[in-house]
Amino acid sequence: MDTDLLLVAGLVLAWLGVPAFFSAYAHRRSPVMAAALLVLGGGCIAWAVLTNPGGYSLVEVPDVFFRVLGRFL
């Protein structure tokens, strides 16, 4: 799998995990799915950063996101 795609997938998973966590907390449910999304997203991000030869900087992340989005559109 491409490291750019892995980074974007991790960012999306982590982004979806945050509101799921707060929703579970507000409704007094166990945040199992939110925790799973955050762990999977963090793992994808870590794997992408560690396997990319130069790594990623915060300045590159928007370019990577839109480059991956452009490939699929």
Protein backbone atom coordinates (compact mmCIF):
# COMPACT_ATOMS: atom_id res chain seq x y z
CA MET A 1 0.00 0.00 0.00
CA ASP A 2 1.21 3.49 -0.82
CA THR A 3 2.42 5.44 2.22
CA ASP A 4 0.51 8.55 1.12
CA LEU A 5 -2.73 6.58 0.99
CA LEU A 6 -1.93 5.02 4.36
CA LEU A 7 -1.34 8.44 5.90
CA VAL A 8 -4.63 9.81 4.56
CA ALA A 9 -6.55 6.72 5.70
CA GLY A 10 -5.05 7.07 9.16
CA LEU A 11 -5.96 10.74 9.35
CA VAL A 12 -9.54 10.02 8.30
CA LEU A 13 -9.90 7.15 10.79
CA ALA A 14 -8.51 9.24 13.64
CA TRP A 15 -10.72 12.18 12.61
CA LEU A 16 -13.81 9.95 12.74
CA GLY A 17 -12.77 8.52 16.11
CA VAL A 18 -12.81 11.85 17.95
CA PRO A 19 -16.55 12.66 17.55
CA ALA A 20 -17.39 9.00 18.11
CA PHE A 21 -15.55 9.15 21.43
CA PHE A 22 -17.42 12.26 22.56
CA SER A 23 -20.74 10.82 21.40
CA ALA A 24 -20.16 7.64 23.39
CA TYR A 25 -19.14 9.68 26.41
CA ALA A 26 -22.22 11.92 26.17
CA HIS A 27 -24.59 8.92 25.90
CA ARG A 28 -22.76 7.06 28.70
CA ARG A 29 -21.78 4.16 26.47
CA SER A 30 -18.52 2.32 26.25
CA PRO A 31 -16.28 4.01 23.66
CA VAL A 32 -14.97 0.75 22.20
CA MET A 33 -15.50 1.65 18.55
CA ALA A 34 -14.08 5.14 19.06
CA ALA A 35 -10.99 3.69 20.72
CA ALA A 36 -10.61 1.20 17.86
CA LEU A 37 -10.83 4.01 15.29
CA LEU A 38 -8.26 6.09 17.15
CA VAL A 39 -5.86 3.16 17.54
CA LEU A 40 -6.20 2.08 13.90
CA GLY A 41 -5.80 5.66 12.70
CA GLY A 42 -2.75 6.20 14.87
CA GLY A 43 -1.25 2.93 13.69
CA CYS A 44 -1.77 3.83 10.04
CA ILE A 45 -0.22 7.25 10.58
CA ALA A 46 2.76 5.79 12.42
CA TRP A 47 3.30 3.11 9.78
CA ALA A 48 3.16 5.68 6.98
CA VAL A 49 5.61 8.01 8.70
CA LEU A 50 8.05 5.23 9.57
CA THR A 51 8.03 3.53 6.16
CA ASN A 52 8.27 6.71 4.08
CA PRO A 53 12.00 7.25 3.42
CA GLY A 54 12.00 10.98 4.21
CA GLY A 55 9.09 10.97 6.62
CA TYR A 56 6.41 13.64 6.52
CA SER A 57 6.41 17.18 7.80
CA LEU A 58 3.28 19.05 8.85
CA VAL A 59 3.66 21.32 5.82
CA GLU A 60 3.41 18.33 3.46
CA VAL A 61 0.23 16.83 4.92
CA PRO A 62 -2.30 19.02 3.01
CA ASP A 63 -0.47 18.37 -0.28
CA VAL A 64 -0.45 14.63 0.39
CA PHE A 65 -4.14 14.67 1.32
CA PHE A 66 -5.21 16.45 -1.86
CA ARG A 67 -2.86 14.41 -4.03
CA VAL A 68 -4.47 11.19 -2.79
CA LEU A 69 -7.93 12.71 -3.12
CA GLY A 70 -7.12 13.76 -6.68
CA ARG A 71 -6.07 10.21 -7.58
CA PHE A 72 -9.48 8.89 -6.63
CA LEU A 73 -11.52 11.65 -8.23
